[in-house]
Amino acid sequence: MAFGIRRHELAAWKEKVKRGEIAFLTHYWYDERFPHCTTVTKVAAPMSKNSPLGGGSTG
């Protein structure tokens, strides 16, 4: 379960990627399978034409 993040923070994270930036987002996390982990950091980067994944939109 994710918590400690506001909707506008998530929107700003997505907007950074749309502008071509690498974006980081750290939020609190609880999952009983991982009792010693309390936060998660997500990283997003825009796709490029030179990417091994081919670029384009992932939706």
PDB file of N, CA and C in Angstrom:
ATOM      1  N   MET A   1       0.842  -1.160   0.000  1.00  0.00           N
ATOM      2  CA  MET A   1       0.000   0.000   0.000  1.00  0.00           C
ATOM      3  C   MET A   1       0.900   1.240   0.000  1.00  0.00           C
ATOM      4  N   ALA A   2       0.660   2.125  -0.924  1.00  0.00           N
ATOM      5  CA  ALA A   2       1.417   3.381  -1.001  1.00  0.00           C
ATOM      6  C   ALA A   2       0.669   4.466  -0.238  1.00  0.00           C
ATOM      7  N   PHE A   3       1.419   5.304   0.451  1.00  0.00           N
ATOM      8  CA  PHE A   3       0.808   6.445   1.126  1.00  0.00           C
ATOM      9  C   PHE A   3       1.865   7.519   1.311  1.00  0.00           C
ATOM     10  N   GLY A   4       1.442   8.695   1.712  1.00  0.00           N
ATOM     11  CA  GLY A   4       2.379   9.791   1.915  1.00  0.00           C
ATOM     12  C   GLY A   4       2.679  10.569   0.649  1.00  0.00           C
ATOM     13  N   ILE A   5       1.869  10.389  -0.381  1.00  0.00           N
ATOM     14  CA  ILE A   5       2.051  11.131  -1.631  1.00  0.00           C
ATOM     15  C   ILE A   5       0.730  11.799  -1.986  1.00  0.00           C
ATOM     16  N   ARG A   6       0.829  13.007  -2.468  1.00  0.00           N
ATOM     17  CA  ARG A   6      -0.374  13.754  -2.851  1.00  0.00           C
ATOM     18  C   ARG A   6      -0.545  13.715  -4.366  1.00  0.00           C
ATOM     19  N   ARG A   7      -1.770  13.873  -4.788  1.00  0.00           N
ATOM     20  CA  ARG A   7      -2.092  13.806  -6.216  1.00  0.00           C
ATOM     21  C   ARG A   7      -1.266  14.801  -7.028  1.00  0.00           C
ATOM     22  N   HIS A   8      -1.076  16.016  -6.511  1.00  0.00           N
ATOM     23  CA  HIS A   8      -0.311  17.017  -7.268  1.00  0.00           C
ATOM     24  C   HIS A   8       1.169  16.621  -7.378  1.00  0.00           C
ATOM     25  N   GLU A   9       1.696  15.891  -6.395  1.00  0.00           N
ATOM     26  CA  GLU A   9       3.083  15.415  -6.472  1.00  0.00           C
ATOM     27  C   GLU A   9       3.236  14.372  -7.575  1.00  0.00           C
ATOM     28  N   LEU A  10       2.264  13.491  -7.688  1.00  0.00           N
ATOM     29  CA  LEU A  10       2.289  12.487  -8.749  1.00  0.00           C
ATOM     30  C   LEU A  10       2.164  13.148 -10.116  1.00  0.00           C
ATOM     31  N   ALA A  11       1.281  14.129 -10.228  1.00  0.00           N
ATOM     32  CA  ALA A  11       1.106  14.845 -11.497  1.00  0.00           C
ATOM     33  C   ALA A  11       2.386  15.583 -11.885  1.00  0.00           C
ATOM     34  N   ALA A  12       3.060  16.192 -10.918  1.00  0.00           N
ATOM     35  CA  ALA A  12       4.310  16.908 -11.199  1.00  0.00           C
ATOM     36  C   ALA A  12       5.392  15.941 -11.653  1.00  0.00           C
ATOM     37  N   TRP A  13       5.446  14.756 -11.065  1.00  0.00           N
ATOM     38  CA  TRP A  13       6.414  13.718 -11.453  1.00  0.00           C
ATOM     39  C   TRP A  13       6.202  13.327 -12.916  1.00  0.00           C
ATOM     40  N   LYS A  14       4.959  13.091 -13.284  1.00  0.00           N
ATOM     41  CA  LYS A  14       4.635  12.724 -14.667  1.00  0.00           C
ATOM     42  C   LYS A  14       4.960  13.861 -15.630  1.00  0.00           C
ATOM     43  N   GLU A  15       4.687  15.083 -15.214  1.00  0.00           N
ATOM     44  CA  GLU A  15       4.939  16.246 -16.069  1.00  0.00           C
ATOM     45  C   GLU A  15       6.427  16.415 -16.351  1.00  0.00           C
ATOM     46  N   LYS A  16       7.267  16.148 -15.369  1.00  0.00           N
ATOM     47  CA  LYS A  16       8.720  16.235 -15.580  1.00  0.00           C
ATOM     48  C   LYS A  16       9.163  15.305 -16.708  1.00  0.00           C
ATOM     49  N   VAL A  17       8.636  14.101 -16.711  1.00  0.00           N
ATOM     50  CA  VAL A  17       8.997  13.134 -17.750  1.00  0.00           C
ATOM     51  C   VAL A  17       8.508  13.616 -19.108  1.00  0.00           C
ATOM     52  N   LYS A  18       7.312  14.164 -19.157  1.00  0.00           N
ATOM     53  CA  LYS A  18       6.788  14.694 -20.422  1.00  0.00           C
ATOM     54  C   LYS A  18       7.662  15.810 -20.969  1.00  0.00           C
ATOM     55  N   ARG A  19       8.330  16.558 -20.067  1.00  0.00           N
ATOM     56  CA  ARG A  19       9.225  17.638 -20.492  1.00  0.00           C
ATOM     57  C   ARG A  19      10.611  17.118 -20.873  1.00  0.00           C
ATOM     58  N   GLY A  20      10.812  15.819 -20.788  1.00  0.00           N
ATOM     59  CA  GLY A  20      12.088  15.236 -21.175  1.00  0.00           C
ATOM     60  C   GLY A  20      13.090  15.086 -20.050  1.00  0.00           C
ATOM     61  N   GLU A  21      12.643  15.226 -18.814  1.00  0.00           N
ATOM     62  CA  GLU A  21      13.533  15.125 -17.662  1.00  0.00           C
ATOM     63  C   GLU A  21      13.449  13.734 -17.035  1.00  0.00           C
ATOM     64  N   ILE A  22      14.488  13.378 -16.294  1.00  0.00           N
ATOM     65  CA  ILE A  22      14.442  12.183 -15.460  1.00  0.00           C
ATOM     66  C   ILE A  22      13.795  12.605 -14.148  1.00  0.00           C
ATOM     67  N   ALA A  23      12.804  11.854 -13.699  1.00  0.00           N
ATOM     68  CA  ALA A  23      12.047  12.241 -12.509  1.00  0.00           C
ATOM     69  C   ALA A  23      12.122  11.156 -11.436  1.00  0.00           C
ATOM     70  N   PHE A  24      12.272  11.592 -10.199  1.00  0.00           N
ATOM     71  CA  PHE A  24      12.320  10.699  -9.047  1.00  0.00           C
ATOM     72  C   PHE A  24      11.123  10.988  -8.152  1.00  0.00           C
ATOM     73  N   LEU A  25      10.568   9.936  -7.583  1.00  0.00           N
ATOM     74  CA  LEU A  25       9.440  10.085  -6.668  1.00  0.00           C
ATOM     75  C   LEU A  25       9.623   9.075  -5.538  1.00  0.00           C
ATOM     76  N   THR A  26       9.741   9.556  -4.320  1.00  0.00           N
ATOM     77  CA  THR A  26       9.879   8.675  -3.158  1.00  0.00           C
ATOM     78  C   THR A  26       8.632   8.820  -2.301  1.00  0.00           C
ATOM     79  N   HIS A  27       8.081   7.686  -1.894  1.00  0.00           N
ATOM     80  CA  HIS A  27       6.908   7.725  -1.030  1.00  0.00           C
ATOM     81  C   HIS A  27       6.979   6.586  -0.021  1.00  0.00           C
ATOM     82  N   TYR A  28       6.173   6.693   0.997  1.00  0.00           N
ATOM     83  CA  TYR A  28       6.117   5.652   2.013  1.00  0.00           C
ATOM     84  C   TYR A  28       5.395   4.437   1.457  1.00  0.00           C
ATOM     85  N   TRP A  29       5.754   3.274   1.974  1.00  0.00           N
ATOM     86  CA  TRP A  29       5.233   2.026   1.453  1.00  0.00           C
ATOM     87  C   TRP A  29       5.096   1.036   2.591  1.00  0.00           C
ATOM     88  N   TYR A  30       4.021   0.273   2.582  1.00  0.00           N
ATOM     89  CA  TYR A  30       3.895  -0.819   3.539  1.00  0.00           C
ATOM     90  C   TYR A  30       3.458  -2.062   2.790  1.00  0.00           C
ATOM     91  N   ASP A  31       4.224  -3.113   2.970  1.00  0.00           N
ATOM     92  CA  ASP A  31       3.873  -4.416   2.410  1.00  0.00           C
ATOM     93  C   ASP A  31       4.426  -5.445   3.384  1.00  0.00           C
ATOM     94  N   GLU A  32       3.565  -6.247   3.952  1.00  0.00           N
ATOM     95  CA  GLU A  32       4.016  -7.193   4.974  1.00  0.00           C
ATOM     96  C   GLU A  32       5.039  -8.194   4.449  1.00  0.00           C
ATOM     97  N   ARG A  33       5.137  -8.358   3.124  1.00  0.00           N
ATOM     98  CA  ARG A  33       6.169  -9.242   2.556  1.00  0.00           C
ATOM     99  C   ARG A  33       7.568  -8.660   2.729  1.00  0.00           C
ATOM    100  N   PHE A  34       7.653  -7.336   2.902  1.00  0.00           N
ATOM    101  CA  PHE A  34       8.932  -6.641   3.039  1.00  0.00           C
ATOM    102  C   PHE A  34       8.899  -5.777   4.301  1.00  0.00           C
ATOM    103  N   PRO A  35       8.936  -6.393   5.470  1.00  0.00           N
ATOM    104  CA  PRO A  35       8.731  -5.648   6.716  1.00  0.00           C
ATOM    105  C   PRO A  35       9.803  -4.607   7.032  1.00  0.00           C
ATOM    106  N   HIS A  36      10.971  -4.718   6.445  1.00  0.00           N
ATOM    107  CA  HIS A  36      12.042  -3.768   6.744  1.00  0.00           C
ATOM    108  C   HIS A  36      12.111  -2.614   5.746  1.00  0.00           C
ATOM    109  N   CYS A  37      11.257  -2.634   4.749  1.00  0.00           N
ATOM    110  CA  CYS A  37      11.238  -1.559   3.747  1.00  0.00           C
ATOM    111  C   CYS A  37      10.098  -0.601   4.069  1.00  0.00           C
ATOM    112  N   THR A  38      10.416   0.676   4.170  1.00  0.00           N
ATOM    113  CA  THR A  38       9.378   1.651   4.517  1.00  0.00           C
ATOM    114  C   THR A  38       9.164   2.701   3.438  1.00  0.00           C
ATOM    115  N   THR A  39      10.077   2.789   2.475  1.00  0.00           N
ATOM    116  CA  THR A  39       9.900   3.740   1.381  1.00  0.00           C
ATOM    117  C   THR A  39      10.247   3.076   0.059  1.00  0.00           C
ATOM    118  N   VAL A  40       9.718   3.656  -0.995  1.00  0.00           N
ATOM    119  CA  VAL A  40       9.994   3.207  -2.358  1.00  0.00           C
ATOM    120  C   VAL A  40      10.335   4.442  -3.173  1.00  0.00           C
ATOM    121  N   THR A  41      11.354   4.344  -4.006  1.00  0.00           N
ATOM    122  CA  THR A  41      11.679   5.426  -4.930  1.00  0.00           C
ATOM    123  C   THR A  41      11.439   4.927  -6.340  1.00  0.00           C
ATOM    124  N   LYS A  42      10.669   5.687  -7.083  1.00  0.00           N
ATOM    125  CA  LYS A  42      10.374   5.352  -8.475  1.00  0.00           C
ATOM    126  C   LYS A  42      11.094   6.355  -9.360  1.00  0.00           C
ATOM    127  N   VAL A  43      11.646   5.866 -10.451  1.00  0.00           N
ATOM    128  CA  VAL A  43      12.366   6.712 -11.398  1.00  0.00           C
ATOM    129  C   VAL A  43      11.726   6.529 -12.761  1.00  0.00           C
ATOM    130  N   ALA A  44      11.518   7.640 -13.456  1.00  0.00           N
ATOM    131  CA  ALA A  44      10.965   7.590 -14.808  1.00  0.00           C
ATOM    132  C   ALA A  44      11.825   8.464 -15.705  1.00  0.00           C
ATOM    133  N   ALA A  45      11.978   8.023 -16.931  1.00  0.00           N
ATOM    134  CA  ALA A  45      12.760   8.780 -17.907  1.00  0.00           C
ATOM    135  C   ALA A  45      12.044   8.715 -19.249  1.00  0.00           C
ATOM    136  N   PRO A  46      12.169   9.763 -20.030  1.00  0.00           N
ATOM    137  CA  PRO A  46      11.528   9.747 -21.346  1.00  0.00           C
ATOM    138  C   PRO A  46      12.230   8.758 -22.267  1.00  0.00           C
ATOM    139  N   MET A  47      11.484   8.192 -23.182  1.00  0.00           N
ATOM    140  CA  MET A  47      12.058   7.294 -24.183  1.00  0.00           C
ATOM    141  C   MET A  47      12.718   8.142 -25.257  1.00  0.00           C
ATOM    142  N   SER A  48      13.804   7.650 -25.800  1.00  0.00           N
ATOM    143  CA  SER A  48      14.458   8.363 -26.889  1.00  0.00           C
ATOM    144  C   SER A  48      14.500   7.478 -28.120  1.00  0.00           C
ATOM    145  N   LYS A  49      14.729   8.090 -29.258  1.00  0.00           N
ATOM    146  CA  LYS A  49      14.816   7.325 -30.500  1.00  0.00           C
ATOM    147  C   LYS A  49      15.999   6.376 -30.472  1.00  0.00           C
ATOM    148  N   ASN A  50      17.030   6.703 -29.692  1.00  0.00           N
ATOM    149  CA  ASN A  50      18.220   5.867 -29.598  1.00  0.00           C
ATOM    150  C   ASN A  50      18.113   4.798 -28.517  1.00  0.00           C
ATOM    151  N   SER A  51      16.985   4.752 -27.841  1.00  0.00           N
ATOM    152  CA  SER A  51      16.793   3.783 -26.773  1.00  0.00           C
ATOM    153  C   SER A  51      16.749   2.369 -27.338  1.00  0.00           C
ATOM    154  N   PRO A  52      17.308   1.399 -26.620  1.00  0.00           N
ATOM    155  CA  PRO A  52      17.215   0.015 -27.083  1.00  0.00           C
ATOM    156  C   PRO A  52      15.777  -0.487 -27.103  1.00  0.00           C
ATOM    157  N   LEU A  53      14.879   0.234 -26.423  1.00  0.00           N
ATOM    158  CA  LEU A  53      13.472  -0.155 -26.418  1.00  0.00           C
ATOM    159  C   LEU A  53      12.696   0.474 -27.561  1.00  0.00           C
ATOM    160  N   GLY A  54      13.339   1.335 -28.333  1.00  0.00           N
ATOM    161  CA  GLY A  54      12.715   1.854 -29.536  1.00  0.00           C
ATOM    162  C   GLY A  54      12.006   3.183 -29.426  1.00  0.00           C
ATOM    163  N   GLY A  55      11.886   3.757 -28.247  1.00  0.00           N
ATOM    164  CA  GLY A  55      11.217   5.047 -28.123  1.00  0.00           C
ATOM    165  C   GLY A  55       9.722   4.927 -28.286  1.00  0.00           C
ATOM    166  N   GLY A  56       9.067   6.062 -28.313  1.00  0.00           N
ATOM    167  CA  GLY A  56       7.622   6.078 -28.484  1.00  0.00           C
ATOM    168  C   GLY A  56       6.900   6.179 -27.162  1.00  0.00           C
ATOM    169  N   SER A  57       5.601   6.109 -27.213  1.00  0.00           N
ATOM    170  CA  SER A  57       4.773   6.284 -26.030  1.00  0.00           C
ATOM    171  C   SER A  57       4.429   4.939 -25.417  1.00  0.00           C
ATOM    172  N   THR A  58       4.457   4.887 -24.096  1.00  0.00           N
ATOM    173  CA  THR A  58       4.062   3.669 -23.400  1.00  0.00           C
ATOM    174  C   THR A  58       2.700   3.818 -22.743  1.00  0.00           C
ATOM    175  N   GLY A  59       2.060   4.970 -22.942  1.00  0.00           N
ATOM    176  CA  GLY A  59       0.717   5.194 -22.429  1.00  0.00           C
ATOM    177  C   GLY A  59       0.697   5.517 -21.015  1.00  0.00           C
TER     178      GLY A  59
END
